[in-house]
Amino acid sequence: MHPHTDDTHIHTYTVTQACHALGALAFHSALNQVAITQKGDITAIVSALKQHPMHAGVQAQCCNALMNLVR
């Protein structure tokens, strides 16, 4: 396996998990929603959406995180 392929896989996995974590934090607490918003993490989530348009896992977790931030 090529090192670039491993790096890409690790990167997309990390982004997917980070968005999942933000979504879970937002789901469980209005205070977390405020903190995530104030820290600028919405920009990071939207950036991940744009950087990984063909990765279903990233897209799903980013959308879930955004949904939990506005509920």
PDB file of N, CA and C in Angstrom:
ATOM      1  N   MET A   1       0.845  -1.174   0.000  1.00  0.00           N
ATOM      2  CA  MET A   1       0.000   0.000   0.000  1.00  0.00           C
ATOM      3  C   MET A   1       0.890   1.236   0.000  1.00  0.00           C
ATOM      4  N   HIS A   2       0.493   2.240  -0.733  1.00  0.00           N
ATOM      5  CA  HIS A   2       1.264   3.471  -0.831  1.00  0.00           C
ATOM      6  C   HIS A   2       1.078   4.335   0.413  1.00  0.00           C
ATOM      7  N   PRO A   3       2.148   4.994   0.869  1.00  0.00           N
ATOM      8  CA  PRO A   3       2.040   5.860   2.059  1.00  0.00           C
ATOM      9  C   PRO A   3       0.976   6.930   1.906  1.00  0.00           C
ATOM     10  N   HIS A   4       0.837   7.499   0.695  1.00  0.00           N
ATOM     11  CA  HIS A   4      -0.172   8.544   0.480  1.00  0.00           C
ATOM     12  C   HIS A   4      -1.575   8.007   0.753  1.00  0.00           C
ATOM     13  N   THR A   5      -1.826   6.779   0.314  1.00  0.00           N
ATOM     14  CA  THR A   5      -3.134   6.170   0.544  1.00  0.00           C
ATOM     15  C   THR A   5      -3.404   6.023   2.033  1.00  0.00           C
ATOM     16  N   ASP A   6      -2.404   5.591   2.790  1.00  0.00           N
ATOM     17  CA  ASP A   6      -2.555   5.473   4.241  1.00  0.00           C
ATOM     18  C   ASP A   6      -2.824   6.824   4.868  1.00  0.00           C
ATOM     19  N   ASP A   7      -2.071   7.848   4.444  1.00  0.00           N
ATOM     20  CA  ASP A   7      -2.255   9.192   4.987  1.00  0.00           C
ATOM     21  C   ASP A   7      -3.653   9.719   4.695  1.00  0.00           C
ATOM     22  N   THR A   8      -4.138   9.493   3.496  1.00  0.00           N
ATOM     23  CA  THR A   8      -5.472   9.955   3.120  1.00  0.00           C
ATOM     24  C   THR A   8      -6.524   9.244   3.952  1.00  0.00           C
ATOM     25  N   HIS A   9      -6.365   7.949   4.127  1.00  0.00           N
ATOM     26  CA  HIS A   9      -7.315   7.180   4.931  1.00  0.00           C
ATOM     27  C   HIS A   9      -7.320   7.667   6.382  1.00  0.00           C
ATOM     28  N   ILE A  10      -6.147   7.874   6.929  1.00  0.00           N
ATOM     29  CA  ILE A  10      -6.043   8.355   8.313  1.00  0.00           C
ATOM     30  C   ILE A  10      -6.678   9.731   8.438  1.00  0.00           C
ATOM     31  N   HIS A  11      -6.418  10.598   7.466  1.00  0.00           N
ATOM     32  CA  HIS A  11      -6.980  11.950   7.503  1.00  0.00           C
ATOM     33  C   HIS A  11      -8.512  11.917   7.449  1.00  0.00           C
ATOM     34  N   THR A  12      -9.078  11.180   6.506  1.00  0.00           N
ATOM     35  CA  THR A  12     -10.535  11.147   6.400  1.00  0.00           C
ATOM     36  C   THR A  12     -11.157  10.468   7.619  1.00  0.00           C
ATOM     37  N   TYR A  13     -10.503   9.456   8.151  1.00  0.00           N
ATOM     38  CA  TYR A  13     -11.003   8.814   9.371  1.00  0.00           C
ATOM     39  C   TYR A  13     -11.012   9.810  10.527  1.00  0.00           C
ATOM     40  N   THR A  14      -9.932  10.573  10.663  1.00  0.00           N
ATOM     41  CA  THR A  14      -9.832  11.561  11.743  1.00  0.00           C
ATOM     42  C   THR A  14     -10.887  12.642  11.599  1.00  0.00           C
ATOM     43  N   VAL A  15     -11.081  13.128  10.401  1.00  0.00           N
ATOM     44  CA  VAL A  15     -12.098  14.161  10.155  1.00  0.00           C
ATOM     45  C   VAL A  15     -13.493  13.602  10.465  1.00  0.00           C
ATOM     46  N   THR A  16     -13.754  12.385  10.033  1.00  0.00           N
ATOM     47  CA  THR A  16     -15.052  11.754  10.303  1.00  0.00           C
ATOM     48  C   THR A  16     -15.293  11.645  11.803  1.00  0.00           C
ATOM     49  N   GLN A  17     -14.299  11.179  12.525  1.00  0.00           N
ATOM     50  CA  GLN A  17     -14.453  11.011  13.974  1.00  0.00           C
ATOM     51  C   GLN A  17     -14.580  12.359  14.691  1.00  0.00           C
ATOM     52  N   ALA A  18     -13.848  13.361  14.243  1.00  0.00           N
ATOM     53  CA  ALA A  18     -13.931  14.691  14.855  1.00  0.00           C
ATOM     54  C   ALA A  18     -15.325  15.277  14.678  1.00  0.00           C
ATOM     55  N   CYS A  19     -15.877  15.153  13.488  1.00  0.00           N
ATOM     56  CA  CYS A  19     -17.230  15.671  13.250  1.00  0.00           C
ATOM     57  C   CYS A  19     -18.270  14.877  14.042  1.00  0.00           C
ATOM     58  N   HIS A  20     -18.046  13.578  14.145  1.00  0.00           N
ATOM     59  CA  HIS A  20     -18.939  12.756  14.964  1.00  0.00           C
ATOM     60  C   HIS A  20     -18.911  13.232  16.421  1.00  0.00           C
ATOM     61  N   ALA A  21     -17.724  13.493  16.938  1.00  0.00           N
ATOM     62  CA  ALA A  21     -17.593  13.950  18.324  1.00  0.00           C
ATOM     63  C   ALA A  21     -18.270  15.294  18.527  1.00  0.00           C
ATOM     64  N   LEU A  22     -18.077  16.226  17.605  1.00  0.00           N
ATOM     65  CA  LEU A  22     -18.735  17.525  17.723  1.00  0.00           C
ATOM     66  C   LEU A  22     -20.249  17.371  17.690  1.00  0.00           C
ATOM     67  N   GLY A  23     -20.729  16.505  16.823  1.00  0.00           N
ATOM     68  CA  GLY A  23     -22.173  16.267  16.750  1.00  0.00           C
ATOM     69  C   GLY A  23     -22.722  15.670  18.030  1.00  0.00           C
ATOM     70  N   ALA A  24     -22.002  14.729  18.603  1.00  0.00           N
ATOM     71  CA  ALA A  24     -22.445  14.109  19.856  1.00  0.00           C
ATOM     72  C   ALA A  24     -22.432  15.117  20.996  1.00  0.00           C
ATOM     73  N   LEU A  25     -21.394  15.924  21.059  1.00  0.00           N
ATOM     74  CA  LEU A  25     -21.338  16.958  22.104  1.00  0.00           C
ATOM     75  C   LEU A  25     -22.485  17.955  21.948  1.00  0.00           C
ATOM     76  N   ALA A  26     -22.757  18.351  20.727  1.00  0.00           N
ATOM     77  CA  ALA A  26     -23.839  19.305  20.475  1.00  0.00           C
ATOM     78  C   ALA A  26     -25.204  18.700  20.803  1.00  0.00           C
ATOM     79  N   PHE A  27     -25.359  17.432  20.522  1.00  0.00           N
ATOM     80  CA  PHE A  27     -26.642  16.762  20.766  1.00  0.00           C
ATOM     81  C   PHE A  27     -26.985  16.733  22.250  1.00  0.00           C
ATOM     82  N   HIS A  28     -25.984  16.551  23.081  1.00  0.00           N
ATOM     83  CA  HIS A  28     -26.212  16.327  24.504  1.00  0.00           C
ATOM     84  C   HIS A  28     -26.256  17.580  25.368  1.00  0.00           C
ATOM     85  N   SER A  29     -25.928  18.746  24.809  1.00  0.00           N
ATOM     86  CA  SER A  29     -25.843  19.913  25.674  1.00  0.00           C
ATOM     87  C   SER A  29     -25.949  21.217  24.893  1.00  0.00           C
ATOM     88  N   ALA A  30     -26.877  22.059  25.326  1.00  0.00           N
ATOM     89  CA  ALA A  30     -26.991  23.385  24.726  1.00  0.00           C
ATOM     90  C   ALA A  30     -25.735  24.215  25.019  1.00  0.00           C
ATOM     91  N   LEU A  31     -25.130  23.992  26.181  1.00  0.00           N
ATOM     92  CA  LEU A  31     -23.886  24.697  26.497  1.00  0.00           C
ATOM     93  C   LEU A  31     -22.771  24.290  25.532  1.00  0.00           C
ATOM     94  N   ASN A  32     -22.747  23.028  25.178  1.00  0.00           N
ATOM     95  CA  ASN A  32     -21.763  22.569  24.195  1.00  0.00           C
ATOM     96  C   ASN A  32     -22.026  23.190  22.833  1.00  0.00           C
ATOM     97  N   GLN A  33     -23.300  23.336  22.471  1.00  0.00           N
ATOM     98  CA  GLN A  33     -23.636  23.975  21.200  1.00  0.00           C
ATOM     99  C   GLN A  33     -23.056  25.382  21.153  1.00  0.00           C
ATOM    100  N   VAL A  34     -23.224  26.129  22.239  1.00  0.00           N
ATOM    101  CA  VAL A  34     -22.699  27.496  22.311  1.00  0.00           C
ATOM    102  C   VAL A  34     -21.173  27.480  22.222  1.00  0.00           C
ATOM    103  N   ALA A  35     -20.544  26.599  22.979  1.00  0.00           N
ATOM    104  CA  ALA A  35     -19.082  26.534  22.991  1.00  0.00           C
ATOM    105  C   ALA A  35     -18.536  26.181  21.605  1.00  0.00           C
ATOM    106  N   ILE A  36     -19.133  25.205  20.956  1.00  0.00           N
ATOM    107  CA  ILE A  36     -18.686  24.795  19.622  1.00  0.00           C
ATOM    108  C   ILE A  36     -18.823  25.959  18.649  1.00  0.00           C
ATOM    109  N   THR A  37     -19.931  26.663  18.738  1.00  0.00           N
ATOM    110  CA  THR A  37     -20.163  27.803  17.850  1.00  0.00           C
ATOM    111  C   THR A  37     -19.152  28.919  18.120  1.00  0.00           C
ATOM    112  N   GLN A  38     -18.928  29.225  19.376  1.00  0.00           N
ATOM    113  CA  GLN A  38     -18.003  30.308  19.731  1.00  0.00           C
ATOM    114  C   GLN A  38     -16.553  29.996  19.361  1.00  0.00           C
ATOM    115  N   LYS A  39     -16.195  28.746  19.362  1.00  0.00           N
ATOM    116  CA  LYS A  39     -14.818  28.354  19.027  1.00  0.00           C
ATOM    117  C   LYS A  39     -14.555  28.341  17.518  1.00  0.00           C
ATOM    118  N   GLY A  40     -15.601  28.556  16.724  1.00  0.00           N
ATOM    119  CA  GLY A  40     -15.425  28.578  15.277  1.00  0.00           C
ATOM    120  C   GLY A  40     -15.438  27.217  14.627  1.00  0.00           C
ATOM    121  N   ASP A  41     -15.946  26.229  15.342  1.00  0.00           N
ATOM    122  CA  ASP A  41     -15.926  24.877  14.791  1.00  0.00           C
ATOM    123  C   ASP A  41     -16.912  24.674  13.650  1.00  0.00           C
ATOM    124  N   ILE A  42     -17.900  25.550  13.517  1.00  0.00           N
ATOM    125  CA  ILE A  42     -18.809  25.443  12.373  1.00  0.00           C
ATOM    126  C   ILE A  42     -18.015  25.658  11.086  1.00  0.00           C
ATOM    127  N   THR A  43     -17.101  26.604  11.113  1.00  0.00           N
ATOM    128  CA  THR A  43     -16.245  26.841   9.948  1.00  0.00           C
ATOM    129  C   THR A  43     -15.428  25.598   9.614  1.00  0.00           C
ATOM    130  N   ALA A  44     -14.919  24.927  10.621  1.00  0.00           N
ATOM    131  CA  ALA A  44     -14.139  23.701  10.400  1.00  0.00           C
ATOM    132  C   ALA A  44     -15.013  22.596   9.816  1.00  0.00           C
ATOM    133  N   ILE A  45     -16.244  22.498  10.294  1.00  0.00           N
ATOM    134  CA  ILE A  45     -17.158  21.473   9.779  1.00  0.00           C
ATOM    135  C   ILE A  45     -17.474  21.736   8.309  1.00  0.00           C
ATOM    136  N   VAL A  46     -17.783  22.977   7.982  1.00  0.00           N
ATOM    137  CA  VAL A  46     -18.087  23.335   6.583  1.00  0.00           C
ATOM    138  C   VAL A  46     -16.853  23.117   5.711  1.00  0.00           C
ATOM    139  N   SER A  47     -15.692  23.421   6.223  1.00  0.00           N
ATOM    140  CA  SER A  47     -14.454  23.187   5.487  1.00  0.00           C
ATOM    141  C   SER A  47     -14.269  21.702   5.192  1.00  0.00           C
ATOM    142  N   ALA A  48     -14.560  20.859   6.171  1.00  0.00           N
ATOM    143  CA  ALA A  48     -14.462  19.408   5.962  1.00  0.00           C
ATOM    144  C   ALA A  48     -15.441  18.946   4.890  1.00  0.00           C
ATOM    145  N   LEU A  49     -16.640  19.515   4.886  1.00  0.00           N
ATOM    146  CA  LEU A  49     -17.613  19.182   3.840  1.00  0.00           C
ATOM    147  C   LEU A  49     -17.056  19.505   2.461  1.00  0.00           C
ATOM    148  N   LYS A  50     -16.445  20.668   2.348  1.00  0.00           N
ATOM    149  CA  LYS A  50     -15.906  21.108   1.057  1.00  0.00           C
ATOM    150  C   LYS A  50     -14.677  20.314   0.641  1.00  0.00           C
ATOM    151  N   GLN A  51     -13.843  19.922   1.595  1.00  0.00           N
ATOM    152  CA  GLN A  51     -12.605  19.207   1.285  1.00  0.00           C
ATOM    153  C   GLN A  51     -12.825  17.730   0.962  1.00  0.00           C
ATOM    154  N   HIS A  52     -13.962  17.186   1.382  1.00  0.00           N
ATOM    155  CA  HIS A  52     -14.229  15.754   1.185  1.00  0.00           C
ATOM    156  C   HIS A  52     -15.609  15.534   0.562  1.00  0.00           C
ATOM    157  N   PRO A  53     -15.850  16.123  -0.614  1.00  0.00           N
ATOM    158  CA  PRO A  53     -17.192  16.041  -1.202  1.00  0.00           C
ATOM    159  C   PRO A  53     -17.624  14.634  -1.617  1.00  0.00           C
ATOM    160  N   MET A  54     -16.677  13.746  -1.818  1.00  0.00           N
ATOM    161  CA  MET A  54     -17.001  12.397  -2.278  1.00  0.00           C
ATOM    162  C   MET A  54     -16.902  11.340  -1.185  1.00  0.00           C
ATOM    163  N   HIS A  55     -16.654  11.772   0.049  1.00  0.00           N
ATOM    164  CA  HIS A  55     -16.515  10.807   1.144  1.00  0.00           C
ATOM    165  C   HIS A  55     -17.805  10.804   1.954  1.00  0.00           C
ATOM    166  N   ALA A  56     -18.579   9.746   1.799  1.00  0.00           N
ATOM    167  CA  ALA A  56     -19.896   9.666   2.431  1.00  0.00           C
ATOM    168  C   ALA A  56     -19.839   9.759   3.948  1.00  0.00           C
ATOM    169  N   GLY A  57     -18.838   9.165   4.561  1.00  0.00           N
ATOM    170  CA  GLY A  57     -18.724   9.195   6.016  1.00  0.00           C
ATOM    171  C   GLY A  57     -18.492  10.599   6.539  1.00  0.00           C
ATOM    172  N   VAL A  58     -17.595  11.325   5.887  1.00  0.00           N
ATOM    173  CA  VAL A  58     -17.340  12.708   6.289  1.00  0.00           C
ATOM    174  C   VAL A  58     -18.598  13.538   6.085  1.00  0.00           C
ATOM    175  N   GLN A  59     -19.222  13.404   4.936  1.00  0.00           N
ATOM    176  CA  GLN A  59     -20.428  14.179   4.648  1.00  0.00           C
ATOM    177  C   GLN A  59     -21.528  13.901   5.675  1.00  0.00           C
ATOM    178  N   ALA A  60     -21.730  12.652   6.001  1.00  0.00           N
ATOM    179  CA  ALA A  60     -22.789  12.285   6.954  1.00  0.00           C
ATOM    180  C   ALA A  60     -22.504  12.844   8.347  1.00  0.00           C
ATOM    181  N   GLN A  61     -21.280  12.702   8.812  1.00  0.00           N
ATOM    182  CA  GLN A  61     -20.969  13.174  10.164  1.00  0.00           C
ATOM    183  C   GLN A  61     -20.974  14.699  10.248  1.00  0.00           C
ATOM    184  N   CYS A  62     -20.521  15.360   9.195  1.00  0.00           N
ATOM    185  CA  CYS A  62     -20.563  16.824   9.185  1.00  0.00           C
ATOM    186  C   CYS A  62     -22.005  17.321   9.198  1.00  0.00           C
ATOM    187  N   CYS A  63     -22.844  16.727   8.375  1.00  0.00           N
ATOM    188  CA  CYS A  63     -24.254  17.128   8.342  1.00  0.00           C
ATOM    189  C   CYS A  63     -24.929  16.851   9.678  1.00  0.00           C
ATOM    190  N   ASN A  64     -24.616  15.733  10.281  1.00  0.00           N
ATOM    191  CA  ASN A  64     -25.165  15.399  11.588  1.00  0.00           C
ATOM    192  C   ASN A  64     -24.736  16.421  12.635  1.00  0.00           C
ATOM    193  N   ALA A  65     -23.462  16.794  12.611  1.00  0.00           N
ATOM    194  CA  ALA A  65     -22.963  17.786  13.565  1.00  0.00           C
ATOM    195  C   ALA A  65     -23.678  19.118  13.378  1.00  0.00           C
ATOM    196  N   LEU A  66     -23.819  19.558  12.130  1.00  0.00           N
ATOM    197  CA  LEU A  66     -24.515  20.825  11.865  1.00  0.00           C
ATOM    198  C   LEU A  66     -25.974  20.749  12.303  1.00  0.00           C
ATOM    199  N   MET A  67     -26.607  19.633  12.040  1.00  0.00           N
ATOM    200  CA  MET A  67     -28.002  19.461  12.460  1.00  0.00           C
ATOM    201  C   MET A  67     -28.128  19.555  13.978  1.00  0.00           C
ATOM    202  N   ASN A  68     -27.224  18.934  14.696  1.00  0.00           N
ATOM    203  CA  ASN A  68     -27.276  18.966  16.157  1.00  0.00           C
ATOM    204  C   ASN A  68     -26.945  20.351  16.714  1.00  0.00           C
ATOM    205  N   LEU A  69     -26.219  21.138  15.966  1.00  0.00           N
ATOM    206  CA  LEU A  69     -25.899  22.486  16.429  1.00  0.00           C
ATOM    207  C   LEU A  69     -27.079  23.449  16.302  1.00  0.00           C
ATOM    208  N   VAL A  70     -28.010  23.139  15.425  1.00  0.00           N
ATOM    209  CA  VAL A  70     -29.130  24.070  15.214  1.00  0.00           C
ATOM    210  C   VAL A  70     -30.455  23.559  15.779  1.00  0.00           C
ATOM    211  N   ARG A  71     -30.432  22.461  16.443  1.00  0.00           N
ATOM    212  CA  ARG A  71     -31.686  21.916  16.974  1.00  0.00           C
ATOM    213  C   ARG A  71     -32.107  22.637  18.225  1.00  0.00           C
TER     214      ARG A  71
END
